C-alpha atoms as a PDB file:
ATOM      1  CA  UNK A   1      20.718 -41.749 -43.379  1.00  0.00           C
ATOM      2  CA  UNK A   2      23.379 -43.736 -45.208  1.00  0.00           C
ATOM      3  CA  UNK A   3      26.455 -42.286 -43.536  1.00  0.00           C
ATOM      4  CA  UNK A   4      27.311 -44.265 -40.375  1.00  0.00           C
ATOM      5  CA  UNK A   5      26.461 -42.681 -37.042  1.00  0.00           C
ATOM      6  CA  UNK A   6      29.058 -43.090 -34.295  1.00  0.00           C
ATOM      7  CA  UNK A   7      27.556 -44.897 -31.302  1.00  0.00           C
ATOM      8  CA  UNK A   8      30.028 -43.980 -28.578  1.00  0.00           C
ATOM      9  CA  UNK A   9      30.850 -46.246 -25.657  1.00  0.00           C
ATOM     10  CA  UNK A  10      30.530 -44.847 -22.149  1.00  0.00           C
ATOM     11  CA  UNK A  11      32.414 -45.043 -18.907  1.00  0.00           C
ATOM     12  CA  UNK A  12      30.970 -44.592 -15.444  1.00  0.00           C
ATOM     13  CA  UNK A  13      33.321 -42.012 -13.964  1.00  0.00           C
ATOM     14  CA  UNK A  14      31.511 -42.534 -10.659  1.00  0.00           C
ATOM     15  CA  UNK A  15      28.897 -45.128  -9.712  1.00  0.00           C
ATOM     16  CA  UNK A  16      27.049 -45.188  -6.395  1.00  0.00           C
ATOM     17  CA  UNK A  17      24.628 -47.951  -5.369  1.00  0.00           C
ATOM     18  CA  UNK A  18      22.020 -46.275  -3.168  1.00  0.00           C
ATOM     19  CA  UNK A  19      19.737 -49.200  -2.344  1.00  0.00           C
ATOM     20  CA  UNK A  20      17.347 -51.791  -3.736  1.00  0.00           C
ATOM     21  CA  UNK A  21      14.102 -50.757  -5.408  1.00  0.00           C
ATOM     22  CA  UNK A  22      10.722 -52.496  -4.970  1.00  0.00           C
ATOM     23  CA  UNK A  23      11.076 -53.832  -8.538  1.00  0.00           C
ATOM     24  CA  UNK A  24      14.298 -55.634  -7.586  1.00  0.00           C
ATOM     25  CA  UNK A  25      16.614 -53.254  -9.439  1.00  0.00           C
ATOM     26  CA  UNK A  26      19.111 -51.038  -7.639  1.00  0.00           C
ATOM     27  CA  UNK A  27      18.907 -47.282  -7.259  1.00  0.00           C
ATOM     28  CA  UNK A  28      22.041 -45.774  -8.754  1.00  0.00           C
ATOM     29  CA  UNK A  29      23.711 -42.405  -9.113  1.00  0.00           C
ATOM     30  CA  UNK A  30      26.411 -42.262 -11.760  1.00  0.00           C
ATOM     31  CA  UNK A  31      28.347 -39.778 -13.841  1.00  0.00           C
ATOM     32  CA  UNK A  32      28.268 -41.229 -17.364  1.00  0.00           C
ATOM     33  CA  UNK A  33      30.857 -40.041 -19.879  1.00  0.00           C
ATOM     34  CA  UNK A  34      31.052 -40.881 -23.613  1.00  0.00           C
ATOM     35  CA  UNK A  35      34.496 -41.947 -24.839  1.00  0.00           C
ATOM     36  CA  UNK A  36      36.078 -42.025 -28.311  1.00  0.00           C
ATOM     37  CA  UNK A  37      35.588 -45.809 -28.794  1.00  0.00           C
ATOM     38  CA  UNK A  38      32.469 -46.347 -30.922  1.00  0.00           C
ATOM     39  CA  UNK A  39      30.377 -48.672 -33.065  1.00  0.00           C
ATOM     40  CA  UNK A  40      29.214 -47.566 -36.505  1.00  0.00           C
ATOM     41  CA  UNK A  41      25.433 -47.607 -37.037  1.00  0.00           C
ATOM     42  CA  UNK A  42      23.988 -47.095 -40.518  1.00  0.00           C
ATOM     43  CA  UNK A  43      20.254 -46.647 -41.128  1.00  0.00           C
ATOM     44  CA  UNK A  44      18.258 -46.486 -44.353  1.00  0.00           C
ATOM     45  CA  UNK A  45      14.588 -46.573 -45.340  1.00  0.00           C
ATOM     46  CA  UNK A  46      13.275 -50.096 -46.026  1.00  0.00           C
ATOM     47  CA  UNK A  47       9.962 -51.910 -46.370  1.00  0.00           C
ATOM     48  CA  UNK A  48      10.469 -53.742 -43.089  1.00  0.00           C
ATOM     49  CA  UNK A  49      12.495 -53.284 -39.925  1.00  0.00           C
ATOM     50  CA  UNK A  50      15.722 -55.282 -39.730  1.00  0.00           C
ATOM     51  CA  UNK A  51      18.952 -55.010 -37.763  1.00  0.00           C
ATOM     52  CA  UNK A  52      22.166 -56.752 -38.803  1.00  0.00           C
ATOM     53  CA  UNK A  53      25.540 -56.997 -37.072  1.00  0.00           C
ATOM     54  CA  UNK A  54      28.093 -58.665 -39.383  1.00  0.00           C
ATOM     55  CA  UNK A  55      30.077 -61.272 -37.492  1.00  0.00           C
ATOM     56  CA  UNK A  56      27.541 -61.607 -34.658  1.00  0.00           C
ATOM     57  CA  UNK A  57      24.826 -64.256 -34.434  1.00  0.00           C
ATOM     58  CA  UNK A  58      22.383 -62.574 -32.047  1.00  0.00           C
ATOM     59  CA  UNK A  59      18.599 -63.121 -32.139  1.00  0.00           C
ATOM     60  CA  UNK A  60      16.848 -59.871 -32.989  1.00  0.00           C
ATOM     61  CA  UNK A  61      14.703 -59.962 -29.843  1.00  0.00           C
ATOM     62  CA  UNK A  62      17.903 -59.866 -27.751  1.00  0.00           C
ATOM     63  CA  UNK A  63      19.468 -57.061 -29.796  1.00  0.00           C
ATOM     64  CA  UNK A  64      19.009 -53.754 -27.956  1.00  0.00           C
ATOM     65  CA  UNK A  65      19.112 -51.798 -31.231  1.00  0.00           C
ATOM     66  CA  UNK A  66      16.215 -53.845 -32.627  1.00  0.00           C
ATOM     67  CA  UNK A  67      14.313 -53.563 -29.357  1.00  0.00           C
ATOM     68  CA  UNK A  68      14.834 -49.785 -29.395  1.00  0.00           C
ATOM     69  CA  UNK A  69      13.458 -49.516 -32.928  1.00  0.00           C
ATOM     70  CA  UNK A  70      10.418 -51.622 -32.007  1.00  0.00           C
ATOM     71  CA  UNK A  71       9.853 -49.553 -28.863  1.00  0.00           C
ATOM     72  CA  UNK A  72       9.909 -46.402 -30.992  1.00  0.00           C
ATOM     73  CA  UNK A  73       7.369 -47.905 -33.386  1.00  0.00           C
ATOM     74  CA  UNK A  74       5.056 -48.912 -30.540  1.00  0.00           C
ATOM     75  CA  UNK A  75       5.329 -45.521 -28.822  1.00  0.00           C
ATOM     76  CA  UNK A  76       4.456 -43.590 -31.975  1.00  0.00           C
ATOM     77  CA  UNK A  77       2.336 -46.010 -34.011  1.00  0.00           C
ATOM     78  CA  UNK A  78       4.845 -45.658 -36.833  1.00  0.00           C
ATOM     79  CA  UNK A  79       4.662 -48.511 -39.357  1.00  0.00           C
ATOM     80  CA  UNK A  80       7.621 -47.510 -41.496  1.00  0.00           C
ATOM     81  CA  UNK A  81      10.595 -49.813 -41.855  1.00  0.00           C
ATOM     82  CA  UNK A  82      14.333 -49.373 -41.798  1.00  0.00           C
ATOM     83  CA  UNK A  83      17.455 -51.359 -42.503  1.00  0.00           C
ATOM     84  CA  UNK A  84      19.967 -50.951 -39.674  1.00  0.00           C
ATOM     85  CA  UNK A  85      23.528 -52.242 -39.972  1.00  0.00           C
ATOM     86  CA  UNK A  86      25.950 -52.132 -37.038  1.00  0.00           C
ATOM     87  CA  UNK A  87      29.708 -52.563 -37.159  1.00  0.00           C
ATOM     88  CA  UNK A  88      30.758 -53.536 -33.641  1.00  0.00           C
ATOM     89  CA  UNK A  89      33.931 -52.277 -31.989  1.00  0.00           C
ATOM     90  CA  UNK A  90      32.790 -51.927 -28.381  1.00  0.00           C
ATOM     91  CA  UNK A  91      33.465 -55.193 -26.516  1.00  0.00           C
ATOM     92  CA  UNK A  92      30.594 -56.936 -24.740  1.00  0.00           C
ATOM     93  CA  UNK A  93      30.673 -57.695 -21.033  1.00  0.00           C
ATOM     94  CA  UNK A  94      32.994 -54.767 -20.369  1.00  0.00           C
ATOM     95  CA  UNK A  95      30.691 -52.203 -18.730  1.00  0.00           C
ATOM     96  CA  UNK A  96      31.073 -49.872 -21.710  1.00  0.00           C
ATOM     97  CA  UNK A  97      27.428 -49.819 -22.806  1.00  0.00           C
ATOM     98  CA  UNK A  98      27.952 -51.122 -26.332  1.00  0.00           C
ATOM     99  CA  UNK A  99      24.426 -52.445 -26.849  1.00  0.00           C
ATOM    100  CA  UNK A 100      22.951 -49.379 -25.163  1.00  0.00           C
ATOM    101  CA  UNK A 101      25.015 -47.075 -27.379  1.00  0.00           C
ATOM    102  CA  UNK A 102      23.626 -48.808 -30.473  1.00  0.00           C
ATOM    103  CA  UNK A 103      20.083 -48.539 -29.103  1.00  0.00           C
ATOM    104  CA  UNK A 104      20.535 -44.822 -28.404  1.00  0.00           C
ATOM    105  CA  UNK A 105      21.912 -44.213 -31.898  1.00  0.00           C
ATOM    106  CA  UNK A 106      18.923 -46.033 -33.395  1.00  0.00           C
ATOM    107  CA  UNK A 107      16.411 -44.000 -31.367  1.00  0.00           C
ATOM    108  CA  UNK A 108      17.999 -40.713 -32.358  1.00  0.00           C
ATOM    109  CA  UNK A 109      18.570 -41.790 -35.965  1.00  0.00           C
ATOM    110  CA  UNK A 110      15.135 -43.253 -36.647  1.00  0.00           C
ATOM    111  CA  UNK A 111      13.468 -40.272 -34.981  1.00  0.00           C
ATOM    112  CA  UNK A 112      15.056 -38.215 -37.758  1.00  0.00           C
ATOM    113  CA  UNK A 113      14.762 -40.781 -40.580  1.00  0.00           C
ATOM    114  CA  UNK A 114      11.076 -41.386 -39.952  1.00  0.00           C
ATOM    115  CA  UNK A 115      10.326 -37.678 -39.408  1.00  0.00           C
ATOM    116  CA  UNK A 116       8.859 -38.263 -35.951  1.00  0.00           C
ATOM    117  CA  UNK A 117      10.400 -35.149 -34.381  1.00  0.00           C
ATOM    118  CA  UNK A 118      10.029 -36.448 -30.835  1.00  0.00           C
ATOM    119  CA  UNK A 119      11.704 -34.276 -28.187  1.00  0.00           C
ATOM    120  CA  UNK A 120      14.823 -35.677 -26.551  1.00  0.00           C
ATOM    121  CA  UNK A 121      12.977 -36.147 -23.231  1.00  0.00           C
ATOM    122  CA  UNK A 122      10.476 -38.500 -24.912  1.00  0.00           C
ATOM    123  CA  UNK A 123      13.262 -40.451 -26.588  1.00  0.00           C
ATOM    124  CA  UNK A 124      14.885 -40.871 -23.169  1.00  0.00           C
ATOM    125  CA  UNK A 125      11.620 -42.240 -21.779  1.00  0.00           C
ATOM    126  CA  UNK A 126      11.423 -44.771 -24.604  1.00  0.00           C
ATOM    127  CA  UNK A 127      15.075 -45.615 -24.106  1.00  0.00           C
ATOM    128  CA  UNK A 128      14.461 -46.393 -20.427  1.00  0.00           C
ATOM    129  CA  UNK A 129      12.147 -49.209 -21.546  1.00  0.00           C
ATOM    130  CA  UNK A 130      15.041 -50.766 -23.470  1.00  0.00           C
ATOM    131  CA  UNK A 131      17.958 -50.558 -21.034  1.00  0.00           C
ATOM    132  CA  UNK A 132      19.247 -48.674 -18.003  1.00  0.00           C
ATOM    133  CA  UNK A 133      22.132 -46.979 -19.852  1.00  0.00           C
ATOM    134  CA  UNK A 134      20.119 -45.990 -22.917  1.00  0.00           C
ATOM    135  CA  UNK A 135      18.623 -42.659 -21.700  1.00  0.00           C
ATOM    136  CA  UNK A 136      22.046 -41.269 -20.759  1.00  0.00           C
ATOM    137  CA  UNK A 137      23.428 -42.165 -24.183  1.00  0.00           C
ATOM    138  CA  UNK A 138      20.373 -40.764 -25.981  1.00  0.00           C
ATOM    139  CA  UNK A 139      20.910 -37.472 -24.160  1.00  0.00           C
ATOM    140  CA  UNK A 140      24.638 -37.457 -24.933  1.00  0.00           C
ATOM    141  CA  UNK A 141      27.507 -35.581 -23.357  1.00  0.00           C
ATOM    142  CA  UNK A 142      28.490 -35.933 -19.697  1.00  0.00           C
ATOM    143  CA  UNK A 143      25.336 -36.981 -17.864  1.00  0.00           C
ATOM    144  CA  UNK A 144      24.225 -37.557 -14.287  1.00  0.00           C
ATOM    145  CA  UNK A 145      22.169 -40.764 -14.323  1.00  0.00           C
ATOM    146  CA  UNK A 146      19.930 -41.600 -11.362  1.00  0.00           C
ATOM    147  CA  UNK A 147      17.350 -44.180 -10.343  1.00  0.00           C
ATOM    148  CA  UNK A 148      17.417 -47.225 -12.574  1.00  0.00           C
ATOM    149  CA  UNK A 149      18.819 -44.969 -15.291  1.00  0.00           C
ATOM    150  CA  UNK A 150      15.549 -43.264 -16.204  1.00  0.00           C
ATOM    151  CA  UNK A 151      16.457 -39.884 -14.660  1.00  0.00           C
ATOM    152  CA  UNK A 152      19.171 -38.099 -16.606  1.00  0.00           C
ATOM    153  CA  UNK A 153      20.507 -34.572 -16.920  1.00  0.00           C
ATOM    154  CA  UNK A 154      23.587 -33.091 -18.563  1.00  0.00           C
ATOM    155  CA  UNK A 155      26.516 -31.941 -16.441  1.00  0.00           C
ATOM    156  CA  UNK A 156      27.807 -29.266 -18.788  1.00  0.00           C
ATOM    157  CA  UNK A 157      30.300 -27.856 -16.282  1.00  0.00           C
ATOM    158  CA  UNK A 158      31.764 -31.195 -15.202  1.00  0.00           C
ATOM    159  CA  UNK A 159      35.554 -31.278 -15.594  1.00  0.00           C
ATOM    160  CA  UNK A 160      37.504 -34.354 -16.667  1.00  0.00           C
ATOM    161  CA  UNK A 161      41.185 -34.867 -17.373  1.00  0.00           C
ATOM    162  CA  UNK A 162      41.942 -34.413 -21.111  1.00  0.00           C
ATOM    163  CA  UNK A 163      41.250 -37.463 -23.271  1.00  0.00           C
ATOM    164  CA  UNK A 164      44.730 -37.115 -24.761  1.00  0.00           C
ATOM    165  CA  UNK A 165      45.909 -39.088 -21.728  1.00  0.00           C
ATOM    166  CA  UNK A 166      42.963 -41.494 -21.495  1.00  0.00           C
ATOM    167  CA  UNK A 167      43.833 -45.196 -21.234  1.00  0.00           C
ATOM    168  CA  UNK A 168      41.290 -48.026 -21.456  1.00  0.00           C
ATOM    169  CA  UNK A 169      42.104 -51.675 -20.814  1.00  0.00           C
ATOM    170  CA  UNK A 170      39.680 -54.597 -21.044  1.00  0.00           C
ATOM    171  CA  UNK A 171      40.704 -57.763 -19.187  1.00  0.00           C
ATOM    172  CA  UNK A 172      39.955 -61.051 -21.005  1.00  0.00           C
ATOM    173  CA  UNK A 173      36.786 -61.745 -19.002  1.00  0.00           C
ATOM    174  CA  UNK A 174      33.105 -61.226 -19.831  1.00  0.00           C
ATOM    175  CA  UNK A 175      31.685 -59.696 -16.646  1.00  0.00           C
ATOM    176  CA  UNK A 176      28.100 -60.712 -15.893  1.00  0.00           C
ATOM    177  CA  UNK A 177      26.085 -57.750 -14.623  1.00  0.00           C
ATOM    178  CA  UNK A 178      23.566 -59.935 -12.706  1.00  0.00           C
ATOM    179  CA  UNK A 179      26.436 -61.878 -11.099  1.00  0.00           C
ATOM    180  CA  UNK A 180      28.198 -58.681 -10.001  1.00  0.00           C
ATOM    181  CA  UNK A 181      25.023 -57.267  -8.457  1.00  0.00           C
ATOM    182  CA  UNK A 182      24.383 -60.599  -6.704  1.00  0.00           C
ATOM    183  CA  UNK A 183      27.903 -60.437  -5.236  1.00  0.00           C
ATOM    184  CA  UNK A 184      27.520 -56.774  -4.204  1.00  0.00           C
ATOM    185  CA  UNK A 185      27.467 -56.095  -0.436  1.00  0.00           C
ATOM    186  CA  UNK A 186      26.467 -52.922   1.369  1.00  0.00           C
ATOM    187  CA  UNK A 187      29.936 -52.652   2.888  1.00  0.00           C
ATOM    188  CA  UNK A 188      31.336 -52.285  -0.659  1.00  0.00           C
ATOM    189  CA  UNK A 189      29.910 -48.759  -0.811  1.00  0.00           C
ATOM    190  CA  UNK A 190      32.306 -45.863  -0.423  1.00  0.00           C
ATOM    191  CA  UNK A 191      35.505 -47.853  -0.985  1.00  0.00           C
ATOM    192  CA  UNK A 192      36.157 -46.046  -4.255  1.00  0.00           C
ATOM    193  CA  UNK A 193      34.439 -44.149  -7.045  1.00  0.00           C
ATOM    194  CA  UNK A 194      32.600 -47.302  -8.241  1.00  0.00           C
ATOM    195  CA  UNK A 195      30.631 -49.197  -5.579  1.00  0.00           C
ATOM    196  CA  UNK A 196      30.454 -52.288  -7.817  1.00  0.00           C
ATOM    197  CA  UNK A 197      34.236 -52.565  -8.218  1.00  0.00           C
ATOM    198  CA  UNK A 198      34.912 -54.619  -5.047  1.00  0.00           C
ATOM    199  CA  UNK A 199      32.259 -57.195  -6.012  1.00  0.00           C
ATOM    200  CA  UNK A 200      33.539 -57.434  -9.586  1.00  0.00           C
ATOM    201  CA  UNK A 201      37.120 -57.851  -8.378  1.00  0.00           C
ATOM    202  CA  UNK A 202      36.081 -60.682  -6.061  1.00  0.00           C
ATOM    203  CA  UNK A 203      34.362 -62.481  -8.925  1.00  0.00           C
ATOM    204  CA  UNK A 204      36.957 -61.713 -11.601  1.00  0.00           C
ATOM    205  CA  UNK A 205      40.529 -61.439 -10.251  1.00  0.00           C
ATOM    206  CA  UNK A 206      41.708 -60.254 -13.692  1.00  0.00           C
ATOM    207  CA  UNK A 207      39.912 -56.960 -13.051  1.00  0.00           C
ATOM    208  CA  UNK A 208      41.784 -56.422  -9.777  1.00  0.00           C
ATOM    209  CA  UNK A 209      45.043 -57.346 -11.516  1.00  0.00           C
ATOM    210  CA  UNK A 210      44.364 -54.821 -14.274  1.00  0.00           C
ATOM    211  CA  UNK A 211      43.624 -52.060 -11.741  1.00  0.00           C
ATOM    212  CA  UNK A 212      46.861 -52.843  -9.873  1.00  0.00           C
ATOM    213  CA  UNK A 213      48.923 -52.913 -13.077  1.00  0.00           C
ATOM    214  CA  UNK A 214      47.546 -49.595 -14.315  1.00  0.00           C
ATOM    215  CA  UNK A 215      48.268 -47.973 -10.959  1.00  0.00           C
ATOM    216  CA  UNK A 216      51.778 -49.454 -11.034  1.00  0.00           C
ATOM    217  CA  UNK A 217      52.202 -47.936 -14.513  1.00  0.00           C
ATOM    218  CA  UNK A 218      51.641 -44.516 -12.949  1.00  0.00           C
ATOM    219  CA  UNK A 219      48.143 -43.863 -14.287  1.00  0.00           C
ATOM    220  CA  UNK A 220      45.847 -41.582 -12.295  1.00  0.00           C
ATOM    221  CA  UNK A 221      42.123 -41.930 -11.479  1.00  0.00           C
ATOM    222  CA  UNK A 222      42.215 -45.681 -12.200  1.00  0.00           C
ATOM    223  CA  UNK A 223      38.791 -47.274 -11.802  1.00  0.00           C
ATOM    224  CA  UNK A 224      36.375 -49.789 -13.302  1.00  0.00           C
ATOM    225  CA  UNK A 225      33.471 -48.875 -15.567  1.00  0.00           C
ATOM    226  CA  UNK A 226      29.953 -50.065 -14.807  1.00  0.00           C
ATOM    227  CA  UNK A 227      29.863 -53.661 -13.584  1.00  0.00           C
ATOM    228  CA  UNK A 228      33.137 -54.422 -15.392  1.00  0.00           C
ATOM    229  CA  UNK A 229      35.314 -55.603 -16.837  1.00  0.00           C
ATOM    230  CA  UNK A 230      36.845 -52.490 -18.450  1.00  0.00           C
ATOM    231  CA  UNK A 231      39.272 -50.409 -16.396  1.00  0.00           C
ATOM    232  CA  UNK A 232      40.334 -46.869 -17.263  1.00  0.00           C
ATOM    233  CA  UNK A 233      42.672 -44.162 -16.095  1.00  0.00           C
ATOM    234  CA  UNK A 234      44.695 -41.210 -17.275  1.00  0.00           C
ATOM    235  CA  UNK A 235      48.343 -40.671 -18.030  1.00  0.00           C
ATOM    236  CA  UNK A 236      49.758 -37.770 -16.075  1.00  0.00           C
ATOM    237  CA  UNK A 237      50.511 -35.235 -18.795  1.00  0.00           C
ATOM    238  CA  UNK A 238      53.191 -32.549 -18.407  1.00  0.00           C
END
């Protein structure tokens, strides 16, 4: 598979925090939507497994794409190797699922490259071991994600404004997901389409400023993605 695969970023069109789980994670319900922004992921047969990201010095054990490939090997007993190269365009710390998108692309791509022929439901299960956003991005399309991210189903009839008017802005802050969840309060729920937005805005005023500026620019449906920092909305098209 030498032609690059597009690993699309995601936005959380809605995100509800439903409570805390016994394992310390939060129960979520979120509508996850892929957007045009993407990384390029190229995979080829190799003697060993390796993942490279030109311009990024990230230990392999912290790279979600590498962890996804290893999880696939462990789940199937496959001993084949692959050379994976990722060209990054999705910013980190923005709530756009860049690492998860790469992991999902690797699971789908290596399933084909290695001839494993696992069903999509099994790939989603493996993806859930790697990261909360991975199953939704493995499944693809507009997805309802629930639990810690392990329960996913497509929302084929879900209607969005046209992407012709889509606007994405990323404030110059790297939002920490653990910090945002630590700041989250129960009274934040129901104040908008993303229950984490009030906490993120308290921690990172640049996010609140970006929301206010986009609304002042006349954009509709302005909201934050994930735990931040990216903010999106739509131009009102004639």
